[in-house]
Structures are given as C-alpha cells and as structure tokens.
C-alpha atoms as a PDB file:
ATOM      1  CA  UNK A   1     -35.947 -45.205  25.280  1.00  0.00           C
ATOM      2  CA  UNK A   2     -33.276 -44.254  22.780  1.00  0.00           C
ATOM      3  CA  UNK A   3     -29.734 -43.704  24.101  1.00  0.00           C
ATOM      4  CA  UNK A   4     -26.372 -42.785  22.594  1.00  0.00           C
ATOM      5  CA  UNK A   5     -23.414 -45.154  22.489  1.00  0.00           C
ATOM      6  CA  UNK A   6     -21.701 -42.770  24.929  1.00  0.00           C
ATOM      7  CA  UNK A   7     -24.542 -43.172  27.416  1.00  0.00           C
ATOM      8  CA  UNK A   8     -24.540 -46.975  27.184  1.00  0.00           C
ATOM      9  CA  UNK A   9     -20.769 -47.477  27.082  1.00  0.00           C
ATOM     10  CA  UNK A  10     -19.536 -44.730  29.392  1.00  0.00           C
ATOM     11  CA  UNK A  11     -22.257 -43.186  31.560  1.00  0.00           C
ATOM     12  CA  UNK A  12     -23.872 -46.429  32.691  1.00  0.00           C
ATOM     13  CA  UNK A  13     -20.459 -48.008  33.268  1.00  0.00           C
ATOM     14  CA  UNK A  14     -19.381 -45.128  35.540  1.00  0.00           C
ATOM     15  CA  UNK A  15     -22.790 -44.777  37.213  1.00  0.00           C
ATOM     16  CA  UNK A  16     -24.263 -48.278  37.460  1.00  0.00           C
ATOM     17  CA  UNK A  17     -26.683 -47.119  40.167  1.00  0.00           C
ATOM     18  CA  UNK A  18     -28.685 -45.049  37.648  1.00  0.00           C
ATOM     19  CA  UNK A  19     -32.144 -46.400  36.973  1.00  0.00           C
ATOM     20  CA  UNK A  20     -33.877 -45.861  33.661  1.00  0.00           C
ATOM     21  CA  UNK A  21     -37.125 -45.221  35.549  1.00  0.00           C
ATOM     22  CA  UNK A  22     -35.461 -42.194  37.185  1.00  0.00           C
ATOM     23  CA  UNK A  23     -34.438 -40.829  33.796  1.00  0.00           C
ATOM     24  CA  UNK A  24     -37.940 -41.358  32.433  1.00  0.00           C
ATOM     25  CA  UNK A  25     -39.438 -39.612  35.484  1.00  0.00           C
ATOM     26  CA  UNK A  26     -37.190 -36.558  35.002  1.00  0.00           C
ATOM     27  CA  UNK A  27     -38.048 -36.361  31.304  1.00  0.00           C
ATOM     28  CA  UNK A  28     -41.794 -36.661  32.013  1.00  0.00           C
ATOM     29  CA  UNK A  29     -41.885 -34.075  34.797  1.00  0.00           C
ATOM     30  CA  UNK A  30     -38.787 -31.840  34.961  1.00  0.00           C
ATOM     31  CA  UNK A  31     -38.499 -29.022  37.476  1.00  0.00           C
ATOM     32  CA  UNK A  32     -36.384 -27.097  34.939  1.00  0.00           C
ATOM     33  CA  UNK A  33     -35.249 -27.422  31.336  1.00  0.00           C
ATOM     34  CA  UNK A  34     -32.531 -25.579  29.469  1.00  0.00           C
ATOM     35  CA  UNK A  35     -31.404 -25.758  25.838  1.00  0.00           C
ATOM     36  CA  UNK A  36     -27.626 -25.865  25.403  1.00  0.00           C
ATOM     37  CA  UNK A  37     -25.883 -23.941  22.591  1.00  0.00           C
ATOM     38  CA  UNK A  38     -25.253 -27.256  20.771  1.00  0.00           C
ATOM     39  CA  UNK A  39     -28.996 -28.014  20.656  1.00  0.00           C
ATOM     40  CA  UNK A  40     -29.048 -30.603  23.415  1.00  0.00           C
ATOM     41  CA  UNK A  41     -31.559 -30.097  26.220  1.00  0.00           C
ATOM     42  CA  UNK A  42     -30.911 -30.446  29.938  1.00  0.00           C
ATOM     43  CA  UNK A  43     -33.675 -31.645  32.245  1.00  0.00           C
ATOM     44  CA  UNK A  44     -33.565 -31.642  36.046  1.00  0.00           C
ATOM     45  CA  UNK A  45     -35.752 -33.546  38.461  1.00  0.00           C
ATOM     46  CA  UNK A  46     -35.542 -34.526  42.115  1.00  0.00           C
ATOM     47  CA  UNK A  47     -35.121 -38.246  42.772  1.00  0.00           C
ATOM     48  CA  UNK A  48     -36.275 -39.146  46.281  1.00  0.00           C
ATOM     49  CA  UNK A  49     -34.332 -42.411  46.289  1.00  0.00           C
ATOM     50  CA  UNK A  50     -31.102 -40.537  45.539  1.00  0.00           C
ATOM     51  CA  UNK A  51     -31.935 -37.548  47.706  1.00  0.00           C
ATOM     52  CA  UNK A  52     -30.564 -35.371  44.883  1.00  0.00           C
ATOM     53  CA  UNK A  53     -31.483 -33.676  41.638  1.00  0.00           C
ATOM     54  CA  UNK A  54     -30.713 -35.706  38.536  1.00  0.00           C
ATOM     55  CA  UNK A  55     -29.646 -33.899  35.361  1.00  0.00           C
ATOM     56  CA  UNK A  56     -30.547 -35.692  32.140  1.00  0.00           C
ATOM     57  CA  UNK A  57     -29.125 -34.445  28.840  1.00  0.00           C
ATOM     58  CA  UNK A  58     -30.986 -35.301  25.644  1.00  0.00           C
ATOM     59  CA  UNK A  59     -29.719 -34.940  22.075  1.00  0.00           C
ATOM     60  CA  UNK A  60     -31.100 -32.225  19.793  1.00  0.00           C
ATOM     61  CA  UNK A  61     -33.646 -34.733  18.438  1.00  0.00           C
ATOM     62  CA  UNK A  62     -35.453 -34.362  21.771  1.00  0.00           C
ATOM     63  CA  UNK A  63     -35.583 -38.053  22.595  1.00  0.00           C
ATOM     64  CA  UNK A  64     -32.126 -39.665  22.659  1.00  0.00           C
ATOM     65  CA  UNK A  65     -30.552 -39.684  26.139  1.00  0.00           C
ATOM     66  CA  UNK A  66     -26.877 -38.702  26.065  1.00  0.00           C
ATOM     67  CA  UNK A  67     -25.962 -38.203  29.743  1.00  0.00           C
ATOM     68  CA  UNK A  68     -27.397 -38.394  33.255  1.00  0.00           C
ATOM     69  CA  UNK A  69     -25.860 -37.631  36.627  1.00  0.00           C
ATOM     70  CA  UNK A  70     -26.660 -36.292  40.096  1.00  0.00           C
ATOM     71  CA  UNK A  71     -26.193 -32.525  39.865  1.00  0.00           C
ATOM     72  CA  UNK A  72     -24.766 -31.393  43.223  1.00  0.00           C
ATOM     73  CA  UNK A  73     -24.741 -27.736  42.204  1.00  0.00           C
ATOM     74  CA  UNK A  74     -28.350 -27.509  41.032  1.00  0.00           C
ATOM     75  CA  UNK A  75     -30.587 -25.059  42.849  1.00  0.00           C
ATOM     76  CA  UNK A  76     -34.281 -25.072  41.920  1.00  0.00           C
END
C-alpha cells in the first residue's frame, strides 16, 4: 500500500494503534465515499475492533493513503 510521508511520519506517530489491515478493509468495502474539492477521496468504514467508524483519506491518484482516523462525528 502506498502512503504519503505525512501519513508515515505524522499520522502513524500520533495514532500508533492504527492497523494497516483496517485501512485496507475500509478501502475495499466503504460504507460511504466522498471526493474533496482538492481531489482527495474520503472513505468511511466501521471497524469492529475500534467500535468506531474509521475515515481514510486517499490522494487524488486514488491509491496513496494520506490520513486515517476514527471519525467520531460520522453518521452512516
């Protein structure tokens, strides 16, 4: 899986509990997707282990992960 420097050096440092398998699961089977004005795409998926929805943001190329975090405000 391709990731940005920001994801590797900032996101994973601040959220060491994130598992790449969770990110892959959200990207494979999102409950919602949304394209941002800057071309990035947001994906949401429920992670049983977390008990929350995980938002994964992918670069405009459609494959490079830029951010991921539990989205407390998400409503399916």
